[in-house]
Amino acid sequence: MKNRLKTIEITKKYIEAFNRRDLKTIEEMLDERDVCFVRQAEPTILGRAAILNRTRKSLDKLDRQGHQLHMINAIIDVKDVAAHPCMLGIMDGERHSVVVLGCHINGHIASISILVTKDFLQKARPLEPAAPSEIAELHSMKPKLSQEELTQRREILTEKAIYLQERLQKEGPTNELMGKFDRLQDAQKKLKQDEYDILYQDE
């Protein structure tokens, strides 16, 4: 792939900035005039300001819901490219997303692609020798949730389930919807585990 060494360098720098929640550094890494953000089954976002706004809102939402999301260095076979540099997003100790950066020759980020389907999550290969222990450490950072937070999360998932069922009746079982149902099911399983943990956390 073109600019492989530069992509590796930029990916590592992005990981460090994201894990520090350093949006200023991320802003400086994005190309000012030619950058896009692509997430599976969602509209493409164009422009540095719009991407930063989306990132800020996503991080705020994760904080409100009590989730821990961090990135670790990884590689993935994608688009006929073997061992493409990428980031593996770990949320609450589990694989959550794969992030692939595209870079201009000047070192600025041209594209951010978010892959969330199970096949991509399984393909990503962490590079750090201590990746399993790092994942465990990130899992241990997961804050304890209150009953109020659990109730809020339960309501959000219930509303999402109703919305997806309505879309399913109108649109049929499209790949996009089936992917959303898979992620909803994963979120519901995590919620049940969180409810169990908070029930027995003081025992």
N, C-alpha and C. Protein backbone atom coordinates (compact mmCIF):
# COMPACT_ATOMS: atom_id res chain seq x y z
N MET A 1 0.83 -1.19 0.00
CA MET A 1 0.00 0.00 0.00
C MET A 1 0.87 1.25 0.00
N LYS A 2 0.35 2.35 -0.58
CA LYS A 2 1.10 3.59 -0.62
C LYS A 2 1.20 4.20 0.78
N ASN A 3 2.33 4.86 1.05
CA ASN A 3 2.50 5.59 2.30
C ASN A 3 2.35 4.70 3.54
N ARG A 4 2.78 3.43 3.45
CA ARG A 4 2.57 2.51 4.56
C ARG A 4 3.24 3.00 5.85
N LEU A 5 4.51 3.39 5.75
CA LEU A 5 5.22 3.83 6.95
C LEU A 5 4.57 5.07 7.54
N LYS A 6 4.13 5.98 6.68
CA LYS A 6 3.46 7.19 7.16
C LYS A 6 2.13 6.83 7.82
N THR A 7 1.40 5.88 7.25
CA THR A 7 0.12 5.47 7.82
C THR A 7 0.33 4.84 9.20
N ILE A 8 1.37 4.01 9.34
CA ILE A 8 1.68 3.40 10.64
C ILE A 8 1.98 4.49 11.67
N GLU A 9 2.79 5.45 11.28
CA GLU A 9 3.16 6.54 12.19
C GLU A 9 1.93 7.35 12.62
N ILE A 10 1.09 7.72 11.65
CA ILE A 10 -0.09 8.52 11.94
C ILE A 10 -1.09 7.73 12.79
N THR A 11 -1.23 6.44 12.50
CA THR A 11 -2.15 5.60 13.27
C THR A 11 -1.74 5.55 14.74
N LYS A 12 -0.45 5.36 15.00
CA LYS A 12 0.02 5.33 16.39
C LYS A 12 -0.23 6.66 17.09
N LYS A 13 0.02 7.76 16.37
CA LYS A 13 -0.19 9.09 16.95
C LYS A 13 -1.67 9.32 17.25
N TYR A 14 -2.54 8.85 16.35
CA TYR A 14 -3.98 9.01 16.56
C TYR A 14 -4.44 8.20 17.78
N ILE A 15 -3.91 6.99 17.92
CA ILE A 15 -4.26 6.15 19.07
C ILE A 15 -3.93 6.87 20.37
N GLU A 16 -2.72 7.41 20.44
CA GLU A 16 -2.29 8.11 21.66
C GLU A 16 -3.19 9.30 21.95
N ALA A 17 -3.53 10.07 20.90
CA ALA A 17 -4.37 11.24 21.09
C ALA A 17 -5.79 10.85 21.50
N PHE A 18 -6.34 9.81 20.85
CA PHE A 18 -7.70 9.39 21.16
C PHE A 18 -7.80 8.90 22.60
N ASN A 19 -6.83 8.10 23.02
CA ASN A 19 -6.88 7.54 24.37
C ASN A 19 -6.71 8.61 25.44
N ARG A 20 -6.09 9.75 25.07
CA ARG A 20 -5.97 10.89 25.99
C ARG A 20 -7.17 11.82 25.86
N ARG A 21 -8.05 11.54 24.89
CA ARG A 21 -9.17 12.42 24.54
C ARG A 21 -8.64 13.80 24.14
N ASP A 22 -7.54 13.79 23.40
CA ASP A 22 -6.86 15.02 22.97
C ASP A 22 -7.39 15.42 21.59
N LEU A 23 -8.54 16.09 21.57
CA LEU A 23 -9.16 16.45 20.30
C LEU A 23 -8.37 17.52 19.55
N LYS A 24 -7.59 18.31 20.27
CA LYS A 24 -6.77 19.33 19.62
C LYS A 24 -5.74 18.69 18.71
N THR A 25 -5.07 17.65 19.20
CA THR A 25 -4.09 16.95 18.38
C THR A 25 -4.76 16.26 17.19
N ILE A 26 -5.92 15.65 17.43
CA ILE A 26 -6.65 15.00 16.34
C ILE A 26 -7.04 16.03 15.29
N GLU A 27 -7.47 17.20 15.71
CA GLU A 27 -7.82 18.26 14.77
C GLU A 27 -6.63 18.62 13.88
N GLU A 28 -5.46 18.72 14.48
CA GLU A 28 -4.27 19.07 13.72
C GLU A 28 -3.86 17.97 12.75
N MET A 29 -4.25 16.73 13.04
CA MET A 29 -3.90 15.61 12.17
C MET A 29 -4.81 15.51 10.95
N LEU A 30 -6.02 16.02 11.05
CA LEU A 30 -6.98 15.93 9.95
C LEU A 30 -6.64 16.96 8.87
N ASP A 31 -6.76 16.54 7.62
CA ASP A 31 -6.52 17.48 6.54
C ASP A 31 -7.58 18.58 6.58
N GLU A 32 -7.15 19.80 6.40
CA GLU A 32 -8.07 20.94 6.55
C GLU A 32 -9.13 20.99 5.47
N ARG A 33 -8.80 20.54 4.24
CA ARG A 33 -9.72 20.71 3.13
C ARG A 33 -10.22 19.41 2.52
N ASP A 34 -9.58 18.30 2.80
CA ASP A 34 -9.94 17.05 2.12
C ASP A 34 -9.88 15.88 3.10
N VAL A 35 -10.95 15.71 3.88
CA VAL A 35 -11.01 14.61 4.84
C VAL A 35 -12.46 14.16 4.98
N CYS A 36 -12.66 12.84 5.12
CA CYS A 36 -14.01 12.31 5.29
C CYS A 36 -14.03 11.24 6.38
N PHE A 37 -15.20 11.05 6.96
CA PHE A 37 -15.42 10.07 8.02
C PHE A 37 -16.50 9.12 7.54
N VAL A 38 -16.18 7.82 7.49
CA VAL A 38 -17.12 6.83 6.96
C VAL A 38 -17.32 5.73 8.00
N ARG A 39 -18.57 5.51 8.38
CA ARG A 39 -18.91 4.42 9.28
C ARG A 39 -19.95 3.56 8.58
N GLN A 40 -19.78 2.24 8.69
CA GLN A 40 -20.69 1.33 8.02
C GLN A 40 -22.15 1.66 8.33
N ALA A 41 -22.97 1.71 7.27
CA ALA A 41 -24.42 1.90 7.37
C ALA A 41 -24.81 3.30 7.86
N GLU A 42 -23.89 4.26 7.78
CA GLU A 42 -24.20 5.64 8.16
C GLU A 42 -23.74 6.59 7.06
N PRO A 43 -24.36 7.78 6.98
CA PRO A 43 -23.95 8.76 5.96
C PRO A 43 -22.50 9.19 6.17
N THR A 44 -21.79 9.46 5.08
CA THR A 44 -20.42 9.95 5.14
C THR A 44 -20.40 11.39 5.66
N ILE A 45 -19.43 11.69 6.53
CA ILE A 45 -19.27 13.04 7.07
C ILE A 45 -18.05 13.66 6.40
N LEU A 46 -18.21 14.88 5.89
CA LEU A 46 -17.13 15.57 5.19
C LEU A 46 -16.67 16.79 5.97
N GLY A 47 -15.36 17.01 6.02
CA GLY A 47 -14.82 18.22 6.62
C GLY A 47 -14.33 18.03 8.04
N ARG A 48 -13.26 18.74 8.37
CA ARG A 48 -12.63 18.60 9.68
C ARG A 48 -13.56 19.01 10.82
N ALA A 49 -14.24 20.13 10.69
CA ALA A 49 -15.11 20.62 11.76
C ALA A 49 -16.25 19.64 12.06
N ALA A 50 -16.86 19.10 11.00
CA ALA A 50 -17.98 18.17 11.18
C ALA A 50 -17.51 16.87 11.82
N ILE A 51 -16.32 16.41 11.44
CA ILE A 51 -15.79 15.17 12.01
C ILE A 51 -15.46 15.35 13.49
N LEU A 52 -14.85 16.48 13.83
CA LEU A 52 -14.53 16.75 15.23
C LEU A 52 -15.80 16.86 16.06
N ASN A 53 -16.82 17.50 15.52
CA ASN A 53 -18.09 17.64 16.23
C ASN A 53 -18.70 16.26 16.49
N ARG A 54 -18.63 15.40 15.49
CA ARG A 54 -19.17 14.04 15.63
C ARG A 54 -18.39 13.26 16.68
N THR A 55 -17.07 13.38 16.65
CA THR A 55 -16.22 12.69 17.62
C THR A 55 -16.50 13.17 19.04
N ARG A 56 -16.62 14.48 19.21
CA ARG A 56 -16.89 15.06 20.53
C ARG A 56 -18.23 14.57 21.08
N LYS A 57 -19.25 14.55 20.24
CA LYS A 57 -20.56 14.09 20.68
C LYS A 57 -20.54 12.60 21.05
N SER A 58 -19.79 11.81 20.27
CA SER A 58 -19.71 10.36 20.55
C SER A 58 -19.04 10.11 21.89
N LEU A 59 -17.94 10.84 22.16
CA LEU A 59 -17.23 10.67 23.43
C LEU A 59 -18.09 11.13 24.60
N ASP A 60 -18.81 12.22 24.43
CA ASP A 60 -19.70 12.70 25.49
C ASP A 60 -20.79 11.67 25.78
N LYS A 61 -21.32 11.06 24.73
CA LYS A 61 -22.37 10.04 24.90
C LYS A 61 -21.83 8.84 25.65
N LEU A 62 -20.62 8.40 25.30
CA LEU A 62 -20.01 7.26 25.99
C LEU A 62 -19.81 7.58 27.47
N ASP A 63 -19.38 8.80 27.76
CA ASP A 63 -19.17 9.19 29.16
C ASP A 63 -20.50 9.17 29.92
N ARG A 64 -21.55 9.69 29.30
CA ARG A 64 -22.86 9.73 29.97
C ARG A 64 -23.38 8.33 30.25
N GLN A 65 -23.07 7.40 29.36
CA GLN A 65 -23.58 6.03 29.51
C GLN A 65 -22.62 5.13 30.30
N GLY A 66 -21.49 5.69 30.72
CA GLY A 66 -20.57 4.94 31.56
C GLY A 66 -19.71 3.92 30.85
N HIS A 67 -19.48 4.11 29.54
CA HIS A 67 -18.66 3.17 28.78
C HIS A 67 -17.20 3.63 28.75
N GLN A 68 -16.29 2.66 28.62
CA GLN A 68 -14.87 2.93 28.40
C GLN A 68 -14.52 2.48 26.99
N LEU A 69 -14.03 3.42 26.16
CA LEU A 69 -13.60 3.07 24.80
C LEU A 69 -12.18 3.56 24.59
N HIS A 70 -11.27 2.63 24.28
CA HIS A 70 -9.89 2.98 23.98
C HIS A 70 -9.45 2.23 22.73
N MET A 71 -8.39 2.73 22.11
CA MET A 71 -7.85 2.13 20.90
C MET A 71 -6.51 1.45 21.17
N ILE A 72 -6.27 0.34 20.49
CA ILE A 72 -4.96 -0.29 20.52
C ILE A 72 -4.49 -0.52 19.08
N ASN A 73 -3.20 -0.63 18.90
CA ASN A 73 -2.61 -0.78 17.57
C ASN A 73 -2.87 -2.19 17.04
N ALA A 74 -3.22 -2.27 15.73
CA ALA A 74 -3.55 -3.58 15.15
C ALA A 74 -3.31 -3.54 13.64
N ILE A 75 -3.49 -4.69 13.00
CA ILE A 75 -3.46 -4.79 11.54
C ILE A 75 -4.66 -5.61 11.10
N ILE A 76 -5.03 -5.45 9.82
CA ILE A 76 -6.18 -6.18 9.30
C ILE A 76 -6.00 -6.36 7.79
N ASP A 77 -6.47 -7.47 7.26
CA ASP A 77 -6.47 -7.70 5.82
C ASP A 77 -7.77 -7.11 5.26
N VAL A 78 -7.64 -6.06 4.46
CA VAL A 78 -8.84 -5.36 3.97
C VAL A 78 -8.55 -4.75 2.60
N LYS A 79 -9.55 -4.76 1.72
CA LYS A 79 -9.44 -4.17 0.39
C LYS A 79 -8.21 -4.69 -0.37
N ASP A 80 -8.00 -6.00 -0.33
CA ASP A 80 -6.89 -6.64 -1.04
C ASP A 80 -5.53 -6.20 -0.53
N VAL A 81 -5.49 -5.61 0.65
CA VAL A 81 -4.22 -5.21 1.28
C VAL A 81 -4.01 -6.06 2.53
N ALA A 82 -2.90 -6.80 2.55
CA ALA A 82 -2.60 -7.63 3.71
C ALA A 82 -1.96 -6.78 4.80
N ALA A 83 -2.33 -7.05 6.03
CA ALA A 83 -1.72 -6.40 7.20
C ALA A 83 -1.80 -4.88 7.13
N HIS A 84 -2.97 -4.37 6.77
CA HIS A 84 -3.17 -2.92 6.73
C HIS A 84 -3.15 -2.38 8.16
N PRO A 85 -2.40 -1.31 8.43
CA PRO A 85 -2.41 -0.72 9.78
C PRO A 85 -3.82 -0.27 10.15
N CYS A 86 -4.20 -0.50 11.40
CA CYS A 86 -5.52 -0.08 11.85
C CYS A 86 -5.51 0.07 13.37
N MET A 87 -6.64 0.51 13.89
CA MET A 87 -6.85 0.57 15.32
C MET A 87 -7.97 -0.39 15.69
N LEU A 88 -7.83 -1.05 16.81
CA LEU A 88 -8.89 -1.91 17.32
C LEU A 88 -9.50 -1.22 18.54
N GLY A 89 -10.77 -0.84 18.42
CA GLY A 89 -11.45 -0.18 19.53
C GLY A 89 -11.92 -1.20 20.55
N ILE A 90 -11.55 -0.98 21.81
CA ILE A 90 -11.94 -1.86 22.91
C ILE A 90 -12.90 -1.10 23.80
N MET A 91 -14.16 -1.56 23.86
CA MET A 91 -15.14 -0.91 24.73
C MET A 91 -15.56 -1.85 25.84
N ASP A 92 -15.37 -1.40 27.07
CA ASP A 92 -15.71 -2.20 28.24
C ASP A 92 -15.05 -3.58 28.19
N GLY A 93 -13.81 -3.60 27.66
CA GLY A 93 -13.04 -4.83 27.65
C GLY A 93 -13.29 -5.75 26.47
N GLU A 94 -14.14 -5.35 25.53
CA GLU A 94 -14.47 -6.21 24.40
C GLU A 94 -14.23 -5.48 23.07
N ARG A 95 -13.99 -6.25 22.02
CA ARG A 95 -13.80 -5.66 20.69
C ARG A 95 -15.08 -4.94 20.26
N HIS A 96 -14.91 -3.71 19.83
CA HIS A 96 -16.06 -2.88 19.50
C HIS A 96 -16.04 -2.37 18.06
N SER A 97 -14.85 -1.98 17.57
CA SER A 97 -14.77 -1.39 16.24
C SER A 97 -13.35 -1.50 15.70
N VAL A 98 -13.24 -1.43 14.38
CA VAL A 98 -11.95 -1.35 13.70
C VAL A 98 -11.90 -0.02 12.98
N VAL A 99 -10.81 0.74 13.16
CA VAL A 99 -10.68 2.05 12.54
C VAL A 99 -9.48 2.03 11.59
N VAL A 100 -9.73 2.37 10.33
CA VAL A 100 -8.69 2.39 9.31
C VAL A 100 -8.52 3.82 8.83
N LEU A 101 -7.29 4.32 8.87
CA LEU A 101 -7.00 5.68 8.41
C LEU A 101 -6.44 5.66 7.00
N GLY A 102 -6.84 6.66 6.22
CA GLY A 102 -6.21 6.92 4.93
C GLY A 102 -5.43 8.21 5.06
N CYS A 103 -4.20 8.24 4.55
CA CYS A 103 -3.34 9.41 4.75
C CYS A 103 -2.87 10.01 3.43
N HIS A 104 -2.81 11.34 3.39
CA HIS A 104 -2.21 12.04 2.27
C HIS A 104 -0.69 11.91 2.36
N ILE A 105 0.00 12.20 1.28
CA ILE A 105 1.45 12.13 1.25
C ILE A 105 2.07 13.13 2.23
N ASN A 106 1.33 14.21 2.56
CA ASN A 106 1.85 15.21 3.50
C ASN A 106 1.69 14.80 4.96
N GLY A 107 1.09 13.61 5.19
CA GLY A 107 0.97 13.11 6.55
C GLY A 107 -0.34 13.44 7.23
N HIS A 108 -1.20 14.23 6.58
CA HIS A 108 -2.50 14.53 7.16
C HIS A 108 -3.49 13.41 6.85
N ILE A 109 -4.47 13.24 7.74
CA ILE A 109 -5.47 12.19 7.56
C ILE A 109 -6.47 12.60 6.49
N ALA A 110 -6.67 11.71 5.52
CA ALA A 110 -7.62 11.96 4.43
C ALA A 110 -8.97 11.29 4.69
N SER A 111 -8.95 10.16 5.42
CA SER A 111 -10.20 9.44 5.68
C SER A 111 -10.10 8.64 6.97
N ILE A 112 -11.23 8.52 7.63
CA ILE A 112 -11.37 7.67 8.82
C ILE A 112 -12.52 6.71 8.54
N SER A 113 -12.22 5.43 8.47
CA SER A 113 -13.24 4.42 8.17
C SER A 113 -13.48 3.56 9.40
N ILE A 114 -14.73 3.49 9.84
CA ILE A 114 -15.10 2.71 11.03
C ILE A 114 -15.81 1.44 10.58
N LEU A 115 -15.27 0.30 10.95
CA LEU A 115 -15.83 -1.01 10.60
C LEU A 115 -16.32 -1.67 11.89
N VAL A 116 -17.58 -2.11 11.89
CA VAL A 116 -18.16 -2.62 13.14
C VAL A 116 -18.78 -4.01 13.01
N THR A 117 -18.79 -4.59 11.79
CA THR A 117 -19.39 -5.90 11.65
C THR A 117 -18.48 -6.98 12.26
N LYS A 118 -19.08 -8.09 12.64
CA LYS A 118 -18.35 -9.11 13.37
C LYS A 118 -17.19 -9.69 12.58
N ASP A 119 -17.34 -9.80 11.25
CA ASP A 119 -16.25 -10.38 10.47
C ASP A 119 -15.01 -9.50 10.53
N PHE A 120 -15.18 -8.16 10.48
CA PHE A 120 -14.03 -7.28 10.58
C PHE A 120 -13.45 -7.30 11.99
N LEU A 121 -14.30 -7.35 13.00
CA LEU A 121 -13.80 -7.40 14.38
C LEU A 121 -12.95 -8.64 14.62
N GLN A 122 -13.32 -9.74 13.99
CA GLN A 122 -12.57 -10.98 14.15
C GLN A 122 -11.27 -10.97 13.37
N LYS A 123 -11.25 -10.23 12.24
CA LYS A 123 -10.06 -10.18 11.39
C LYS A 123 -8.93 -9.36 11.99
N ALA A 124 -9.26 -8.34 12.78
CA ALA A 124 -8.24 -7.43 13.32
C ALA A 124 -7.30 -8.18 14.26
N ARG A 125 -5.98 -7.92 14.09
CA ARG A 125 -4.97 -8.63 14.88
C ARG A 125 -4.15 -7.61 15.68
N PRO A 126 -4.32 -7.58 17.02
CA PRO A 126 -3.56 -6.63 17.84
C PRO A 126 -2.07 -6.83 17.66
N LEU A 127 -1.31 -5.73 17.64
CA LEU A 127 0.14 -5.79 17.43
C LEU A 127 0.94 -5.81 18.72
N GLU A 128 0.43 -5.14 19.74
CA GLU A 128 1.20 -5.08 20.98
C GLU A 128 1.33 -6.46 21.60
N PRO A 129 2.55 -6.84 22.03
CA PRO A 129 2.73 -8.15 22.67
C PRO A 129 1.84 -8.32 23.89
N ALA A 130 1.57 -7.20 24.57
CA ALA A 130 0.79 -7.26 25.80
C ALA A 130 -0.68 -6.92 25.56
N ALA A 131 -1.12 -7.07 24.30
CA ALA A 131 -2.50 -6.67 23.99
C ALA A 131 -3.54 -7.35 24.88
N PRO A 132 -3.48 -8.68 25.13
CA PRO A 132 -4.50 -9.28 26.00
C PRO A 132 -4.54 -8.66 27.39
N SER A 133 -3.36 -8.40 27.96
CA SER A 133 -3.35 -7.79 29.30
C SER A 133 -3.83 -6.35 29.24
N GLU A 134 -3.54 -5.67 28.11
CA GLU A 134 -4.01 -4.29 27.97
C GLU A 134 -5.52 -4.26 27.87
N ILE A 135 -6.09 -5.21 27.14
CA ILE A 135 -7.55 -5.29 27.06
C ILE A 135 -8.15 -5.54 28.43
N ALA A 136 -7.52 -6.42 29.21
CA ALA A 136 -8.00 -6.70 30.55
C ALA A 136 -7.90 -5.46 31.43
N GLU A 137 -6.82 -4.69 31.25
CA GLU A 137 -6.66 -3.47 32.03
C GLU A 137 -7.74 -2.45 31.68
N LEU A 138 -8.04 -2.31 30.38
CA LEU A 138 -9.10 -1.40 29.97
C LEU A 138 -10.44 -1.84 30.54
N HIS A 139 -10.65 -3.15 30.59
CA HIS A 139 -11.89 -3.66 31.15
C HIS A 139 -12.00 -3.31 32.63
N SER A 140 -10.88 -3.35 33.34
CA SER A 140 -10.89 -3.03 34.77
C SER A 140 -11.17 -1.56 35.03
N MET A 141 -10.97 -0.71 34.00
CA MET A 141 -11.23 0.72 34.14
C MET A 141 -12.71 1.05 34.03
N LYS A 142 -13.50 0.07 33.66
CA LYS A 142 -14.94 0.30 33.49
C LYS A 142 -15.55 0.76 34.81
N PRO A 143 -16.17 1.94 34.84
CA PRO A 143 -16.71 2.46 36.09
C PRO A 143 -17.95 1.69 36.53
N LYS A 144 -18.19 1.71 37.84
CA LYS A 144 -19.41 1.09 38.35
C LYS A 144 -20.60 1.97 38.01
N LEU A 145 -21.65 1.33 37.55
CA LEU A 145 -22.84 2.07 37.14
C LEU A 145 -23.85 2.13 38.28
N SER A 146 -24.62 3.21 38.29
CA SER A 146 -25.69 3.35 39.28
C SER A 146 -26.97 2.75 38.70
N GLN A 147 -27.94 2.52 39.56
CA GLN A 147 -29.22 2.01 39.10
C GLN A 147 -29.87 2.99 38.12
N GLU A 148 -29.68 4.28 38.38
CA GLU A 148 -30.23 5.31 37.50
C GLU A 148 -29.63 5.21 36.10
N GLU A 149 -28.32 4.99 36.03
CA GLU A 149 -27.65 4.86 34.73
C GLU A 149 -28.10 3.60 34.01
N LEU A 150 -28.28 2.52 34.75
CA LEU A 150 -28.76 1.28 34.14
C LEU A 150 -30.18 1.46 33.58
N THR A 151 -31.02 2.16 34.34
CA THR A 151 -32.39 2.41 33.88
C THR A 151 -32.38 3.24 32.60
N GLN A 152 -31.52 4.25 32.56
CA GLN A 152 -31.41 5.09 31.37
C GLN A 152 -30.96 4.27 30.17
N ARG A 153 -29.96 3.41 30.37
CA ARG A 153 -29.45 2.60 29.28
C ARG A 153 -30.53 1.61 28.80
N ARG A 154 -31.29 1.06 29.75
CA ARG A 154 -32.35 0.13 29.40
C ARG A 154 -33.41 0.82 28.54
N GLU A 155 -33.77 2.04 28.90
CA GLU A 155 -34.76 2.80 28.13
C GLU A 155 -34.26 3.10 26.72
N ILE A 156 -32.99 3.45 26.61
CA ILE A 156 -32.41 3.75 25.30
C ILE A 156 -32.46 2.53 24.39
N LEU A 157 -32.09 1.36 24.94
CA LEU A 157 -32.10 0.13 24.14
C LEU A 157 -33.51 -0.29 23.76
N THR A 158 -34.47 -0.06 24.66
CA THR A 158 -35.87 -0.39 24.36
C THR A 158 -36.38 0.47 23.21
N GLU A 159 -36.07 1.77 23.26
CA GLU A 159 -36.48 2.68 22.19
C GLU A 159 -35.82 2.29 20.86
N LYS A 160 -34.55 1.90 20.92
CA LYS A 160 -33.84 1.52 19.70
C LYS A 160 -34.45 0.24 19.11
N ALA A 161 -34.83 -0.71 19.97
CA ALA A 161 -35.43 -1.95 19.49
C ALA A 161 -36.75 -1.68 18.78
N ILE A 162 -37.56 -0.79 19.34
CA ILE A 162 -38.85 -0.43 18.72
C ILE A 162 -38.61 0.23 17.36
N TYR A 163 -37.66 1.15 17.33
CA TYR A 163 -37.34 1.86 16.09
C TYR A 163 -36.88 0.89 14.99
N LEU A 164 -35.99 -0.05 15.36
CA LEU A 164 -35.49 -1.00 14.37
C LEU A 164 -36.59 -1.95 13.88
N GLN A 165 -37.49 -2.34 14.78
CA GLN A 165 -38.60 -3.20 14.37
C GLN A 165 -39.51 -2.48 13.38
N GLU A 166 -39.73 -1.19 13.60
CA GLU A 166 -40.55 -0.40 12.67
C GLU A 166 -39.87 -0.32 11.30
N ARG A 167 -38.56 -0.10 11.30
CA ARG A 167 -37.83 -0.04 10.03
C ARG A 167 -37.85 -1.40 9.33
N LEU A 168 -37.74 -2.47 10.11
CA LEU A 168 -37.74 -3.81 9.54
C LEU A 168 -39.05 -4.09 8.81
N GLN A 169 -40.16 -3.67 9.39
CA GLN A 169 -41.46 -3.88 8.76
C GLN A 169 -41.58 -3.10 7.45
N LYS A 170 -40.97 -1.92 7.40
CA LYS A 170 -41.06 -1.08 6.21
C LYS A 170 -40.05 -1.47 5.13
N GLU A 171 -38.82 -1.78 5.56
CA GLU A 171 -37.72 -1.96 4.61
C GLU A 171 -37.34 -3.41 4.35
N GLY A 172 -37.77 -4.30 5.25
CA GLY A 172 -37.35 -5.69 5.12
C GLY A 172 -35.96 -5.90 5.71
N PRO A 173 -35.47 -7.14 5.71
CA PRO A 173 -34.19 -7.48 6.36
C PRO A 173 -32.97 -7.11 5.52
N THR A 174 -32.68 -5.83 5.41
CA THR A 174 -31.49 -5.38 4.68
C THR A 174 -30.23 -5.69 5.49
N ASN A 175 -29.09 -5.71 4.81
CA ASN A 175 -27.82 -5.97 5.51
C ASN A 175 -27.56 -4.91 6.57
N GLU A 176 -27.90 -3.67 6.26
CA GLU A 176 -27.70 -2.59 7.23
C GLU A 176 -28.50 -2.85 8.50
N LEU A 177 -29.78 -3.17 8.35
CA LEU A 177 -30.63 -3.39 9.52
C LEU A 177 -30.19 -4.61 10.31
N MET A 178 -29.82 -5.68 9.62
CA MET A 178 -29.40 -6.88 10.32
C MET A 178 -28.13 -6.61 11.15
N GLY A 179 -27.27 -5.77 10.60
CA GLY A 179 -26.08 -5.39 11.36
C GLY A 179 -26.45 -4.61 12.60
N LYS A 180 -27.43 -3.71 12.48
CA LYS A 180 -27.88 -2.93 13.62
C LYS A 180 -28.53 -3.82 14.67
N PHE A 181 -29.29 -4.83 14.22
CA PHE A 181 -29.90 -5.77 15.16
C PHE A 181 -28.83 -6.57 15.90
N ASP A 182 -27.77 -6.96 15.19
CA ASP A 182 -26.67 -7.69 15.84
C ASP A 182 -26.04 -6.84 16.94
N ARG A 183 -25.79 -5.56 16.63
CA ARG A 183 -25.16 -4.68 17.62
C ARG A 183 -26.10 -4.39 18.78
N LEU A 184 -27.40 -4.30 18.49
CA LEU A 184 -28.38 -4.12 19.56
C LEU A 184 -28.39 -5.33 20.49
N GLN A 185 -28.32 -6.51 19.91
CA GLN A 185 -28.30 -7.72 20.71
C GLN A 185 -27.06 -7.77 21.60
N ASP A 186 -25.92 -7.36 21.05
CA ASP A 186 -24.69 -7.31 21.86
C ASP A 186 -24.85 -6.33 23.01
N ALA A 187 -25.45 -5.17 22.72
CA ALA A 187 -25.65 -4.15 23.76
C ALA A 187 -26.59 -4.66 24.85
N GLN A 188 -27.61 -5.42 24.46
CA GLN A 188 -28.55 -5.97 25.44
C GLN A 188 -27.86 -7.00 26.33
N LYS A 189 -26.96 -7.79 25.75
CA LYS A 189 -26.21 -8.76 26.55
C LYS A 189 -25.31 -8.06 27.55
N LYS A 190 -24.66 -6.96 27.11
CA LYS A 190 -23.80 -6.20 28.01
C LYS A 190 -24.61 -5.60 29.15
N LEU A 191 -25.81 -5.13 28.82
CA LEU A 191 -26.67 -4.55 29.84
C LEU A 191 -27.03 -5.59 30.91
N LYS A 192 -27.36 -6.80 30.47
CA LYS A 192 -27.68 -7.86 31.43
C LYS A 192 -26.49 -8.17 32.34
N GLN A 193 -25.27 -8.16 31.74
CA GLN A 193 -24.07 -8.40 32.54
C GLN A 193 -23.85 -7.27 33.53
N ASP A 194 -24.07 -6.04 33.09
CA ASP A 194 -23.92 -4.89 34.00
C ASP A 194 -24.93 -4.95 35.13
N GLU A 195 -26.15 -5.37 34.82
CA GLU A 195 -27.18 -5.50 35.87
C GLU A 195 -26.77 -6.57 36.89
N TYR A 196 -26.20 -7.65 36.40
CA TYR A 196 -25.72 -8.71 37.28
C TYR A 196 -24.57 -8.21 38.15
N ASP A 197 -23.64 -7.49 37.52
CA ASP A 197 -22.46 -7.00 38.25
C ASP A 197 -22.86 -6.03 39.36
N ILE A 198 -23.78 -5.12 39.07
CA ILE A 198 -24.17 -4.14 40.08
C ILE A 198 -24.98 -4.79 41.18
N LEU A 199 -25.67 -5.87 40.86
CA LEU A 199 -26.46 -6.58 41.86
C LEU A 199 -25.57 -7.27 42.88
N TYR A 200 -24.40 -7.79 42.39
CA TYR A 200 -23.53 -8.57 43.27
C TYR A 200 -22.21 -7.88 43.57
N GLN A 201 -22.05 -6.60 43.22
CA GLN A 201 -20.76 -5.94 43.36
C GLN A 201 -20.35 -5.75 44.83
N ASP A 202 -21.30 -5.72 45.71
CA ASP A 202 -20.96 -5.50 47.12
C ASP A 202 -20.88 -6.78 47.92
N GLU A 203 -21.06 -7.92 47.25
CA GLU A 203 -21.03 -9.20 47.98
C GLU A 203 -19.61 -9.76 48.03
